[in-house]
């Protein structure tokens, strides 16, 4: 308990330091200092030159024709390296912001020349009823992500445009397997939330029509398992399964992650992980959605195929 409390104090201190450094140092200096404290080694790798132009990576992807204005109405610290953002779209503009579960948005930020691209993590129903588009953005010195972590404030306005050909399509009596690596949870959480909404709208008996749902969610640390509590609640609501994987630290409080519907292990997603699900989610009756870094996607796809899941039942989008 002492260790957890001490660790939490350190995390809060680092977050405060990050905010102060944003105001004092130019971006490159701030990024270098942040990398010293970041637990996720991939943050340090962001400083290495690589192609990150969202518009070029997605130039052949379908998009809405129109932009719409969205206002920042909530900002959260999901972890030391991940910010949560809620954008509000007025009723008059919501038709231009409609999205399918799994899609992303182009984000046009005033004063930032680079267009951002971020996966949506809430359900389409949330937009329709409440006007909300929710994002979870990992820290990077890439200008749009950097702006969200260092300069974004409540009531700021941005322009957004929905796009992407990776999304959930309802197929009666088919099961759904979601496999996430890191912040690849975002579009898969949108799919999970959408399925939960469908089940709740139709009623308890709809679980047969919707098929079974399972989520495999891998991250380096327990803190990086963002949305953990929401996922556990949805599993209870829908009788879905979730297997959490933590790869870079020991899990001290296993009881917080384990239930009749959820479990946690200190290993990477493996062939055995997938194989153990084949009885509950028969390959010919299951659609698989993967999101994460490209090497993660490639490895998981190989596991799925080895376990008998047809390639035309496996969906992903490599635009990271």
C-alpha atoms as a PDB file:
ATOM      1  CA  UNK A   1       0.000   0.000   0.000  1.00  0.00           C
ATOM      2  CA  UNK A   2       2.830   2.382   0.874  1.00  0.00           C
ATOM      3  CA  UNK A   3       4.470   1.689  -2.483  1.00  0.00           C
ATOM      4  CA  UNK A   4       1.259   2.448  -4.388  1.00  0.00           C
ATOM      5  CA  UNK A   5       0.686   5.707  -2.486  1.00  0.00           C
ATOM      6  CA  UNK A   6       4.312   6.757  -2.974  1.00  0.00           C
ATOM      7  CA  UNK A   7       4.115   5.928  -6.677  1.00  0.00           C
ATOM      8  CA  UNK A   8       0.897   7.923  -7.091  1.00  0.00           C
ATOM      9  CA  UNK A   9       2.519  10.971  -5.462  1.00  0.00           C
ATOM     10  CA  UNK A  10       5.437  10.709  -7.874  1.00  0.00           C
ATOM     11  CA  UNK A  11       3.062  10.462 -10.880  1.00  0.00           C
ATOM     12  CA  UNK A  12       1.116  13.544  -9.752  1.00  0.00           C
ATOM     13  CA  UNK A  13       4.368  15.463  -9.260  1.00  0.00           C
ATOM     14  CA  UNK A  14       5.529  14.536 -12.771  1.00  0.00           C
ATOM     15  CA  UNK A  15       2.219  15.659 -14.269  1.00  0.00           C
ATOM     16  CA  UNK A  16       2.546  19.012 -12.511  1.00  0.00           C
ATOM     17  CA  UNK A  17       6.130  19.305 -13.728  1.00  0.00           C
ATOM     18  CA  UNK A  18       5.029  18.526 -17.295  1.00  0.00           C
ATOM     19  CA  UNK A  19       2.480  21.346 -17.252  1.00  0.00           C
ATOM     20  CA  UNK A  20       5.033  23.826 -15.903  1.00  0.00           C
ATOM     21  CA  UNK A  21       7.678  22.783 -18.440  1.00  0.00           C
ATOM     22  CA  UNK A  22       5.212  23.340 -21.284  1.00  0.00           C
ATOM     23  CA  UNK A  23       5.020  27.016 -20.372  1.00  0.00           C
ATOM     24  CA  UNK A  24       8.764  27.525 -19.855  1.00  0.00           C
ATOM     25  CA  UNK A  25      10.574  25.432 -22.460  1.00  0.00           C
ATOM     26  CA  UNK A  26      10.245  25.233 -26.243  1.00  0.00           C
ATOM     27  CA  UNK A  27       8.747  22.010 -27.527  1.00  0.00           C
ATOM     28  CA  UNK A  28      11.982  20.171 -28.328  1.00  0.00           C
ATOM     29  CA  UNK A  29      13.502  20.823 -24.920  1.00  0.00           C
ATOM     30  CA  UNK A  30      10.260  19.926 -23.133  1.00  0.00           C
ATOM     31  CA  UNK A  31       9.977  16.685 -25.125  1.00  0.00           C
ATOM     32  CA  UNK A  32      13.519  15.650 -24.196  1.00  0.00           C
ATOM     33  CA  UNK A  33      12.877  16.271 -20.505  1.00  0.00           C
ATOM     34  CA  UNK A  34       9.527  14.458 -20.594  1.00  0.00           C
ATOM     35  CA  UNK A  35      11.175  11.399 -22.146  1.00  0.00           C
ATOM     36  CA  UNK A  36      13.401  11.095 -19.070  1.00  0.00           C
ATOM     37  CA  UNK A  37      10.351  10.524 -16.896  1.00  0.00           C
ATOM     38  CA  UNK A  38       8.045   8.656 -19.239  1.00  0.00           C
ATOM     39  CA  UNK A  39       7.451   5.031 -18.329  1.00  0.00           C
ATOM     40  CA  UNK A  40       6.553   4.073 -21.885  1.00  0.00           C
ATOM     41  CA  UNK A  41       9.738   3.678 -23.900  1.00  0.00           C
ATOM     42  CA  UNK A  42       7.787   4.370 -27.087  1.00  0.00           C
ATOM     43  CA  UNK A  43       7.475   8.033 -26.025  1.00  0.00           C
ATOM     44  CA  UNK A  44      11.227   8.420 -26.277  1.00  0.00           C
ATOM     45  CA  UNK A  45      11.107   6.886 -29.735  1.00  0.00           C
ATOM     46  CA  UNK A  46       8.764   9.676 -30.873  1.00  0.00           C
ATOM     47  CA  UNK A  47      11.788  11.991 -31.102  1.00  0.00           C
ATOM     48  CA  UNK A  48      13.257   9.821 -33.865  1.00  0.00           C
ATOM     49  CA  UNK A  49      12.444  10.981 -37.404  1.00  0.00           C
ATOM     50  CA  UNK A  50       9.655   8.957 -39.000  1.00  0.00           C
ATOM     51  CA  UNK A  51       6.696   9.559 -41.271  1.00  0.00           C
ATOM     52  CA  UNK A  52       3.812  10.791 -39.150  1.00  0.00           C
ATOM     53  CA  UNK A  53       1.756  12.770 -41.634  1.00  0.00           C
ATOM     54  CA  UNK A  54      -1.765  11.583 -40.932  1.00  0.00           C
ATOM     55  CA  UNK A  55      -3.132  13.041 -44.165  1.00  0.00           C
ATOM     56  CA  UNK A  56      -0.557  11.198 -46.280  1.00  0.00           C
ATOM     57  CA  UNK A  57      -1.019   7.930 -44.414  1.00  0.00           C
ATOM     58  CA  UNK A  58      -4.783   8.091 -44.931  1.00  0.00           C
ATOM     59  CA  UNK A  59      -4.979   9.792 -48.323  1.00  0.00           C
ATOM     60  CA  UNK A  60      -6.882   6.841 -49.812  1.00  0.00           C
ATOM     61  CA  UNK A  61      -9.270   6.436 -46.880  1.00  0.00           C
ATOM     62  CA  UNK A  62     -12.915   7.554 -47.157  1.00  0.00           C
ATOM     63  CA  UNK A  63     -13.833  10.792 -45.372  1.00  0.00           C
ATOM     64  CA  UNK A  64     -16.813  13.007 -44.701  1.00  0.00           C
ATOM     65  CA  UNK A  65     -16.954  15.887 -47.157  1.00  0.00           C
ATOM     66  CA  UNK A  66     -17.614  18.566 -44.550  1.00  0.00           C
ATOM     67  CA  UNK A  67     -15.790  19.823 -41.481  1.00  0.00           C
ATOM     68  CA  UNK A  68     -17.665  20.661 -38.317  1.00  0.00           C
ATOM     69  CA  UNK A  69     -16.758  22.762 -35.303  1.00  0.00           C
ATOM     70  CA  UNK A  70     -16.242  20.991 -31.978  1.00  0.00           C
ATOM     71  CA  UNK A  71     -15.643  22.563 -28.570  1.00  0.00           C
ATOM     72  CA  UNK A  72     -13.386  21.085 -25.898  1.00  0.00           C
ATOM     73  CA  UNK A  73     -15.642  20.438 -22.893  1.00  0.00           C
ATOM     74  CA  UNK A  74     -13.543  18.016 -20.839  1.00  0.00           C
ATOM     75  CA  UNK A  75      -9.840  17.176 -20.393  1.00  0.00           C
ATOM     76  CA  UNK A  76      -8.630  14.229 -18.299  1.00  0.00           C
ATOM     77  CA  UNK A  77      -5.274  12.707 -17.366  1.00  0.00           C
ATOM     78  CA  UNK A  78      -5.832   9.027 -18.081  1.00  0.00           C
ATOM     79  CA  UNK A  79      -2.172   8.296 -17.324  1.00  0.00           C
ATOM     80  CA  UNK A  80       1.121  10.145 -17.213  1.00  0.00           C
ATOM     81  CA  UNK A  81       1.329   9.927 -21.011  1.00  0.00           C
ATOM     82  CA  UNK A  82      -2.331   9.798 -22.162  1.00  0.00           C
ATOM     83  CA  UNK A  83      -4.820  12.683 -22.181  1.00  0.00           C
ATOM     84  CA  UNK A  84      -8.558  12.218 -22.490  1.00  0.00           C
ATOM     85  CA  UNK A  85     -10.467  14.772 -24.531  1.00  0.00           C
ATOM     86  CA  UNK A  86     -14.197  15.275 -24.979  1.00  0.00           C
ATOM     87  CA  UNK A  87     -15.421  17.428 -27.846  1.00  0.00           C
ATOM     88  CA  UNK A  88     -18.957  18.803 -28.085  1.00  0.00           C
ATOM     89  CA  UNK A  89     -20.739  19.149 -31.427  1.00  0.00           C
ATOM     90  CA  UNK A  90     -23.952  21.190 -31.640  1.00  0.00           C
ATOM     91  CA  UNK A  91     -27.176  19.586 -32.883  1.00  0.00           C
ATOM     92  CA  UNK A  92     -27.019  21.658 -36.067  1.00  0.00           C
ATOM     93  CA  UNK A  93     -23.657  20.111 -37.019  1.00  0.00           C
ATOM     94  CA  UNK A  94     -24.007  16.535 -35.762  1.00  0.00           C
ATOM     95  CA  UNK A  95     -25.061  15.147 -39.124  1.00  0.00           C
ATOM     96  CA  UNK A  96     -21.619  16.158 -40.434  1.00  0.00           C
ATOM     97  CA  UNK A  97     -19.908  14.430 -37.497  1.00  0.00           C
ATOM     98  CA  UNK A  98     -21.724  11.084 -37.579  1.00  0.00           C
ATOM     99  CA  UNK A  99     -19.316   8.168 -37.304  1.00  0.00           C
ATOM    100  CA  UNK A 100     -19.264   4.392 -37.237  1.00  0.00           C
ATOM    101  CA  UNK A 101     -17.733   2.573 -34.284  1.00  0.00           C
ATOM    102  CA  UNK A 102     -14.006   2.237 -34.996  1.00  0.00           C
ATOM    103  CA  UNK A 103     -13.487   5.321 -37.169  1.00  0.00           C
ATOM    104  CA  UNK A 104     -11.190   8.301 -36.573  1.00  0.00           C
ATOM    105  CA  UNK A 105     -11.270  12.077 -37.007  1.00  0.00           C
ATOM    106  CA  UNK A 106      -9.047  14.523 -38.802  1.00  0.00           C
ATOM    107  CA  UNK A 107      -8.471  17.365 -36.342  1.00  0.00           C
ATOM    108  CA  UNK A 108      -7.729  20.896 -37.545  1.00  0.00           C
ATOM    109  CA  UNK A 109      -6.320  22.994 -34.705  1.00  0.00           C
ATOM    110  CA  UNK A 110      -6.089  26.828 -34.915  1.00  0.00           C
ATOM    111  CA  UNK A 111      -2.451  27.873 -35.050  1.00  0.00           C
ATOM    112  CA  UNK A 112      -1.196  24.336 -35.791  1.00  0.00           C
ATOM    113  CA  UNK A 113      -0.329  23.654 -39.440  1.00  0.00           C
ATOM    114  CA  UNK A 114      -0.269  19.858 -39.098  1.00  0.00           C
ATOM    115  CA  UNK A 115      -3.588  18.007 -39.233  1.00  0.00           C
ATOM    116  CA  UNK A 116      -4.072  15.509 -36.414  1.00  0.00           C
ATOM    117  CA  UNK A 117      -5.617  12.069 -36.738  1.00  0.00           C
ATOM    118  CA  UNK A 118      -7.137  10.420 -33.667  1.00  0.00           C
ATOM    119  CA  UNK A 119      -9.339   7.358 -33.218  1.00  0.00           C
ATOM    120  CA  UNK A 120     -12.719   7.928 -31.594  1.00  0.00           C
ATOM    121  CA  UNK A 121     -13.291   5.900 -28.423  1.00  0.00           C
ATOM    122  CA  UNK A 122     -16.956   6.518 -27.589  1.00  0.00           C
ATOM    123  CA  UNK A 123     -20.059   5.085 -29.248  1.00  0.00           C
ATOM    124  CA  UNK A 124     -22.014   6.638 -32.131  1.00  0.00           C
ATOM    125  CA  UNK A 125     -25.028   6.854 -29.807  1.00  0.00           C
ATOM    126  CA  UNK A 126     -23.095   9.178 -27.493  1.00  0.00           C
ATOM    127  CA  UNK A 127     -22.699  11.639 -30.346  1.00  0.00           C
ATOM    128  CA  UNK A 128     -26.303  11.312 -31.432  1.00  0.00           C
ATOM    129  CA  UNK A 129     -27.747  11.859 -27.949  1.00  0.00           C
ATOM    130  CA  UNK A 130     -25.140  14.007 -26.204  1.00  0.00           C
ATOM    131  CA  UNK A 131     -23.087  15.553 -29.010  1.00  0.00           C
ATOM    132  CA  UNK A 132     -19.834  14.082 -27.677  1.00  0.00           C
ATOM    133  CA  UNK A 133     -16.768  12.821 -29.529  1.00  0.00           C
ATOM    134  CA  UNK A 134     -14.258  11.292 -27.125  1.00  0.00           C
ATOM    135  CA  UNK A 135     -10.536  10.846 -27.768  1.00  0.00           C
ATOM    136  CA  UNK A 136      -7.589   9.429 -25.818  1.00  0.00           C
ATOM    137  CA  UNK A 137      -4.298  10.880 -27.062  1.00  0.00           C
ATOM    138  CA  UNK A 138      -0.813   9.660 -26.218  1.00  0.00           C
ATOM    139  CA  UNK A 139       1.929  12.242 -25.656  1.00  0.00           C
ATOM    140  CA  UNK A 140       4.148  12.998 -28.634  1.00  0.00           C
ATOM    141  CA  UNK A 141       6.090  15.950 -29.994  1.00  0.00           C
ATOM    142  CA  UNK A 142       3.973  15.603 -33.134  1.00  0.00           C
ATOM    143  CA  UNK A 143       2.272  19.045 -33.234  1.00  0.00           C
ATOM    144  CA  UNK A 144      -1.406  18.002 -32.847  1.00  0.00           C
ATOM    145  CA  UNK A 145      -0.720  15.589 -29.960  1.00  0.00           C
ATOM    146  CA  UNK A 146       1.674  18.066 -28.374  1.00  0.00           C
ATOM    147  CA  UNK A 147      -0.987  20.792 -28.530  1.00  0.00           C
ATOM    148  CA  UNK A 148      -3.499  18.537 -26.758  1.00  0.00           C
ATOM    149  CA  UNK A 149      -1.020  17.752 -23.974  1.00  0.00           C
ATOM    150  CA  UNK A 150       0.464  21.204 -23.492  1.00  0.00           C
ATOM    151  CA  UNK A 151      -1.837  23.956 -24.769  1.00  0.00           C
ATOM    152  CA  UNK A 152      -5.390  22.680 -25.109  1.00  0.00           C
ATOM    153  CA  UNK A 153      -7.867  24.316 -22.727  1.00  0.00           C
ATOM    154  CA  UNK A 154     -11.556  24.014 -21.972  1.00  0.00           C
ATOM    155  CA  UNK A 155     -13.784  25.870 -24.468  1.00  0.00           C
ATOM    156  CA  UNK A 156     -11.142  25.790 -27.216  1.00  0.00           C
ATOM    157  CA  UNK A 157     -12.665  25.173 -30.658  1.00  0.00           C
ATOM    158  CA  UNK A 158     -11.281  22.814 -33.296  1.00  0.00           C
ATOM    159  CA  UNK A 159     -12.547  21.513 -36.635  1.00  0.00           C
ATOM    160  CA  UNK A 160     -13.068  17.779 -37.106  1.00  0.00           C
ATOM    161  CA  UNK A 161     -13.878  15.476 -40.013  1.00  0.00           C
ATOM    162  CA  UNK A 162     -14.740  11.786 -39.678  1.00  0.00           C
ATOM    163  CA  UNK A 163     -12.991   9.157 -41.802  1.00  0.00           C
ATOM    164  CA  UNK A 164     -11.647   5.629 -42.023  1.00  0.00           C
ATOM    165  CA  UNK A 165     -12.603   2.247 -43.476  1.00  0.00           C
ATOM    166  CA  UNK A 166     -11.943   0.330 -40.238  1.00  0.00           C
ATOM    167  CA  UNK A 167     -15.266   0.060 -38.414  1.00  0.00           C
ATOM    168  CA  UNK A 168     -17.725  -2.407 -36.934  1.00  0.00           C
ATOM    169  CA  UNK A 169     -20.485  -3.861 -39.073  1.00  0.00           C
ATOM    170  CA  UNK A 170     -23.270  -5.744 -37.342  1.00  0.00           C
ATOM    171  CA  UNK A 171     -23.701  -9.329 -38.507  1.00  0.00           C
ATOM    172  CA  UNK A 172     -26.438 -11.270 -36.677  1.00  0.00           C
ATOM    173  CA  UNK A 173     -25.336 -14.319 -34.701  1.00  0.00           C
ATOM    174  CA  UNK A 174     -21.642 -13.567 -35.235  1.00  0.00           C
ATOM    175  CA  UNK A 175     -19.222 -13.247 -32.319  1.00  0.00           C
ATOM    176  CA  UNK A 176     -16.765 -10.379 -31.930  1.00  0.00           C
ATOM    177  CA  UNK A 177     -13.138 -10.624 -30.808  1.00  0.00           C
ATOM    178  CA  UNK A 178     -11.359  -7.314 -30.069  1.00  0.00           C
ATOM    179  CA  UNK A 179      -7.569  -7.302 -29.604  1.00  0.00           C
ATOM    180  CA  UNK A 180      -5.871  -4.058 -28.503  1.00  0.00           C
ATOM    181  CA  UNK A 181      -2.252  -3.085 -27.984  1.00  0.00           C
ATOM    182  CA  UNK A 182      -1.664   0.104 -25.981  1.00  0.00           C
ATOM    183  CA  UNK A 183      -3.736   3.086 -27.128  1.00  0.00           C
ATOM    184  CA  UNK A 184      -5.015   0.824 -29.889  1.00  0.00           C
ATOM    185  CA  UNK A 185      -7.831   0.320 -27.382  1.00  0.00           C
ATOM    186  CA  UNK A 186      -9.512   3.513 -28.673  1.00  0.00           C
ATOM    187  CA  UNK A 187     -11.399   2.296 -31.766  1.00  0.00           C
ATOM    188  CA  UNK A 188     -12.025  -1.100 -30.170  1.00  0.00           C
ATOM    189  CA  UNK A 189     -13.556   0.543 -27.120  1.00  0.00           C
ATOM    190  CA  UNK A 190     -15.834   2.445 -29.495  1.00  0.00           C
ATOM    191  CA  UNK A 191     -16.913  -0.901 -30.975  1.00  0.00           C
ATOM    192  CA  UNK A 192     -17.399  -2.441 -27.534  1.00  0.00           C
ATOM    193  CA  UNK A 193     -19.458   0.541 -26.352  1.00  0.00           C
ATOM    194  CA  UNK A 194     -21.537   0.394 -29.525  1.00  0.00           C
ATOM    195  CA  UNK A 195     -22.296  -3.295 -28.979  1.00  0.00           C
ATOM    196  CA  UNK A 196     -23.197  -2.561 -25.335  1.00  0.00           C
ATOM    197  CA  UNK A 197     -25.602   0.150 -26.492  1.00  0.00           C
ATOM    198  CA  UNK A 198     -27.228  -2.219 -28.964  1.00  0.00           C
ATOM    199  CA  UNK A 199     -27.699  -4.894 -26.307  1.00  0.00           C
ATOM    200  CA  UNK A 200     -29.126  -2.415 -23.809  1.00  0.00           C
ATOM    201  CA  UNK A 201     -31.500  -0.957 -26.421  1.00  0.00           C
ATOM    202  CA  UNK A 202     -32.829  -4.315 -27.557  1.00  0.00           C
ATOM    203  CA  UNK A 203     -32.916  -6.051 -24.171  1.00  0.00           C
ATOM    204  CA  UNK A 204     -31.272  -8.966 -22.388  1.00  0.00           C
ATOM    205  CA  UNK A 205     -32.324 -11.543 -24.996  1.00  0.00           C
ATOM    206  CA  UNK A 206     -30.329  -9.649 -27.631  1.00  0.00           C
ATOM    207  CA  UNK A 207     -27.067 -11.234 -26.416  1.00  0.00           C
ATOM    208  CA  UNK A 208     -28.009 -14.231 -28.576  1.00  0.00           C
ATOM    209  CA  UNK A 209     -28.569 -12.027 -31.618  1.00  0.00           C
ATOM    210  CA  UNK A 210     -25.430  -9.986 -31.013  1.00  0.00           C
ATOM    211  CA  UNK A 211     -23.233 -13.015 -30.434  1.00  0.00           C
ATOM    212  CA  UNK A 212     -20.515 -13.219 -27.794  1.00  0.00           C
ATOM    213  CA  UNK A 213     -17.888 -10.516 -27.291  1.00  0.00           C
ATOM    214  CA  UNK A 214     -14.349 -10.867 -25.945  1.00  0.00           C
ATOM    215  CA  UNK A 215     -11.624  -8.260 -25.524  1.00  0.00           C
ATOM    216  CA  UNK A 216      -7.894  -8.925 -25.220  1.00  0.00           C
ATOM    217  CA  UNK A 217      -6.198  -5.736 -24.002  1.00  0.00           C
ATOM    218  CA  UNK A 218      -2.399  -5.531 -23.689  1.00  0.00           C
ATOM    219  CA  UNK A 219      -0.391  -2.647 -22.220  1.00  0.00           C
ATOM    220  CA  UNK A 220       2.999  -2.209 -20.625  1.00  0.00           C
ATOM    221  CA  UNK A 221       1.779  -1.168 -17.179  1.00  0.00           C
ATOM    222  CA  UNK A 222      -1.427  -1.320 -15.169  1.00  0.00           C
ATOM    223  CA  UNK A 223      -1.733   2.460 -15.382  1.00  0.00           C
ATOM    224  CA  UNK A 224      -1.703   2.181 -19.161  1.00  0.00           C
ATOM    225  CA  UNK A 225      -4.833   0.013 -19.059  1.00  0.00           C
ATOM    226  CA  UNK A 226      -6.983   3.094 -19.496  1.00  0.00           C
ATOM    227  CA  UNK A 227     -10.760   2.584 -19.345  1.00  0.00           C
ATOM    228  CA  UNK A 228     -10.179  -0.528 -17.207  1.00  0.00           C
ATOM    229  CA  UNK A 229     -13.121   0.139 -14.876  1.00  0.00           C
ATOM    230  CA  UNK A 230     -15.489   1.035 -17.722  1.00  0.00           C
ATOM    231  CA  UNK A 231     -14.491  -2.155 -19.524  1.00  0.00           C
ATOM    232  CA  UNK A 232     -15.170  -4.250 -16.433  1.00  0.00           C
ATOM    233  CA  UNK A 233     -18.593  -2.643 -16.046  1.00  0.00           C
ATOM    234  CA  UNK A 234     -19.465  -3.317 -19.688  1.00  0.00           C
ATOM    235  CA  UNK A 235     -18.375  -6.937 -19.346  1.00  0.00           C
ATOM    236  CA  UNK A 236     -20.810  -7.352 -16.466  1.00  0.00           C
ATOM    237  CA  UNK A 237     -23.602  -5.627 -18.410  1.00  0.00           C
ATOM    238  CA  UNK A 238     -23.167  -7.722 -21.545  1.00  0.00           C
ATOM    239  CA  UNK A 239     -21.651 -11.006 -20.280  1.00  0.00           C
ATOM    240  CA  UNK A 240     -18.549 -10.227 -22.316  1.00  0.00           C
ATOM    241  CA  UNK A 241     -15.040 -11.439 -21.465  1.00  0.00           C
ATOM    242  CA  UNK A 242     -11.890  -9.370 -21.079  1.00  0.00           C
ATOM    243  CA  UNK A 243      -8.322 -10.599 -20.667  1.00  0.00           C
ATOM    244  CA  UNK A 244      -5.921  -7.858 -19.549  1.00  0.00           C
ATOM    245  CA  UNK A 245      -2.211  -8.326 -20.289  1.00  0.00           C
ATOM    246  CA  UNK A 246       0.542  -6.308 -18.566  1.00  0.00           C
ATOM    247  CA  UNK A 247       3.995  -6.827 -20.045  1.00  0.00           C
ATOM    248  CA  UNK A 248       6.435  -4.571 -18.167  1.00  0.00           C
ATOM    249  CA  UNK A 249       5.525  -4.711 -14.482  1.00  0.00           C
ATOM    250  CA  UNK A 250       4.184  -6.996 -11.779  1.00  0.00           C
ATOM    251  CA  UNK A 251       0.484  -6.748 -10.947  1.00  0.00           C
ATOM    252  CA  UNK A 252       0.213  -6.007  -7.225  1.00  0.00           C
ATOM    253  CA  UNK A 253      -3.559  -5.777  -6.814  1.00  0.00           C
ATOM    254  CA  UNK A 254      -4.922  -8.597  -8.936  1.00  0.00           C
ATOM    255  CA  UNK A 255      -8.326  -8.433  -7.255  1.00  0.00           C
ATOM    256  CA  UNK A 256      -8.965  -5.053  -8.904  1.00  0.00           C
ATOM    257  CA  UNK A 257      -8.764  -6.665 -12.347  1.00  0.00           C
ATOM    258  CA  UNK A 258     -10.273 -10.100 -11.814  1.00  0.00           C
ATOM    259  CA  UNK A 259     -13.943 -11.047 -11.805  1.00  0.00           C
ATOM    260  CA  UNK A 260     -16.151 -13.748 -13.340  1.00  0.00           C
ATOM    261  CA  UNK A 261     -15.804 -11.844 -16.624  1.00  0.00           C
ATOM    262  CA  UNK A 262     -12.261 -10.413 -16.465  1.00  0.00           C
ATOM    263  CA  UNK A 263      -8.740 -11.645 -15.770  1.00  0.00           C
ATOM    264  CA  UNK A 264      -5.190 -10.308 -15.873  1.00  0.00           C
ATOM    265  CA  UNK A 265      -1.817 -11.860 -16.685  1.00  0.00           C
ATOM    266  CA  UNK A 266       1.789 -10.611 -16.785  1.00  0.00           C
ATOM    267  CA  UNK A 267       2.571 -11.925 -20.262  1.00  0.00           C
ATOM    268  CA  UNK A 268       2.350 -10.734 -23.842  1.00  0.00           C
ATOM    269  CA  UNK A 269      -0.541 -11.784 -26.046  1.00  0.00           C
ATOM    270  CA  UNK A 270       0.455 -15.176 -27.410  1.00  0.00           C
ATOM    271  CA  UNK A 271      -0.753 -17.992 -29.634  1.00  0.00           C
ATOM    272  CA  UNK A 272      -2.021 -19.690 -26.481  1.00  0.00           C
ATOM    273  CA  UNK A 273      -4.050 -16.572 -25.581  1.00  0.00           C
ATOM    274  CA  UNK A 274      -5.957 -16.841 -28.854  1.00  0.00           C
ATOM    275  CA  UNK A 275      -6.174 -20.629 -28.808  1.00  0.00           C
ATOM    276  CA  UNK A 276      -7.875 -20.570 -25.401  1.00  0.00           C
ATOM    277  CA  UNK A 277     -10.762 -18.561 -26.874  1.00  0.00           C
ATOM    278  CA  UNK A 278     -11.550 -20.768 -29.871  1.00  0.00           C
ATOM    279  CA  UNK A 279     -14.118 -22.866 -27.994  1.00  0.00           C
ATOM    280  CA  UNK A 280     -16.040 -19.796 -26.848  1.00  0.00           C
ATOM    281  CA  UNK A 281     -15.547 -17.916 -30.121  1.00  0.00           C
ATOM    282  CA  UNK A 282     -15.512 -20.464 -32.981  1.00  0.00           C
ATOM    283  CA  UNK A 283     -13.355 -19.137 -35.854  1.00  0.00           C
ATOM    284  CA  UNK A 284     -16.015 -19.514 -38.571  1.00  0.00           C
ATOM    285  CA  UNK A 285     -18.530 -17.578 -36.453  1.00  0.00           C
ATOM    286  CA  UNK A 286     -16.279 -14.771 -35.199  1.00  0.00           C
ATOM    287  CA  UNK A 287     -15.143 -11.423 -36.610  1.00  0.00           C
ATOM    288  CA  UNK A 288     -11.800 -10.172 -35.267  1.00  0.00           C
ATOM    289  CA  UNK A 289     -10.766  -6.515 -34.927  1.00  0.00           C
ATOM    290  CA  UNK A 290      -7.144  -5.617 -34.122  1.00  0.00           C
ATOM    291  CA  UNK A 291      -5.615  -2.229 -33.322  1.00  0.00           C
ATOM    292  CA  UNK A 292      -2.124  -1.417 -32.080  1.00  0.00           C
ATOM    293  CA  UNK A 293       1.397  -0.820 -33.396  1.00  0.00           C
ATOM    294  CA  UNK A 294       2.050  -2.524 -36.772  1.00  0.00           C
ATOM    295  CA  UNK A 295       4.307  -5.280 -35.322  1.00  0.00           C
ATOM    296  CA  UNK A 296       1.589  -6.100 -32.777  1.00  0.00           C
ATOM    297  CA  UNK A 297      -1.055  -6.299 -35.503  1.00  0.00           C
ATOM    298  CA  UNK A 298       1.096  -8.560 -37.685  1.00  0.00           C
ATOM    299  CA  UNK A 299       1.919 -10.903 -34.809  1.00  0.00           C
ATOM    300  CA  UNK A 300      -1.700 -11.161 -33.657  1.00  0.00           C
ATOM    301  CA  UNK A 301      -2.939 -11.750 -37.197  1.00  0.00           C
ATOM    302  CA  UNK A 302      -0.514 -14.683 -37.516  1.00  0.00           C
ATOM    303  CA  UNK A 303      -1.848 -16.130 -34.249  1.00  0.00           C
ATOM    304  CA  UNK A 304      -5.450 -15.777 -35.413  1.00  0.00           C
ATOM    305  CA  UNK A 305      -4.769 -17.489 -38.727  1.00  0.00           C
ATOM    306  CA  UNK A 306      -2.848 -20.281 -36.962  1.00  0.00           C
ATOM    307  CA  UNK A 307      -5.911 -20.835 -34.752  1.00  0.00           C
ATOM    308  CA  UNK A 308      -8.175 -21.167 -37.766  1.00  0.00           C
ATOM    309  CA  UNK A 309      -9.728 -17.712 -38.025  1.00  0.00           C
ATOM    310  CA  UNK A 310     -10.278 -16.921 -41.721  1.00  0.00           C
ATOM    311  CA  UNK A 311      -8.342 -13.931 -43.054  1.00  0.00           C
ATOM    312  CA  UNK A 312     -11.547 -12.390 -44.347  1.00  0.00           C
ATOM    313  CA  UNK A 313     -12.809 -12.348 -40.744  1.00  0.00           C
ATOM    314  CA  UNK A 314      -9.816 -10.284 -39.554  1.00  0.00           C
ATOM    315  CA  UNK A 315      -9.986  -6.473 -39.716  1.00  0.00           C
ATOM    316  CA  UNK A 316      -7.347  -3.851 -38.940  1.00  0.00           C
ATOM    317  CA  UNK A 317      -5.960  -0.598 -40.248  1.00  0.00           C
ATOM    318  CA  UNK A 318      -2.217   0.145 -40.352  1.00  0.00           C
ATOM    319  CA  UNK A 319      -2.050   3.933 -40.355  1.00  0.00           C
ATOM    320  CA  UNK A 320       0.117   4.468 -37.257  1.00  0.00           C
END
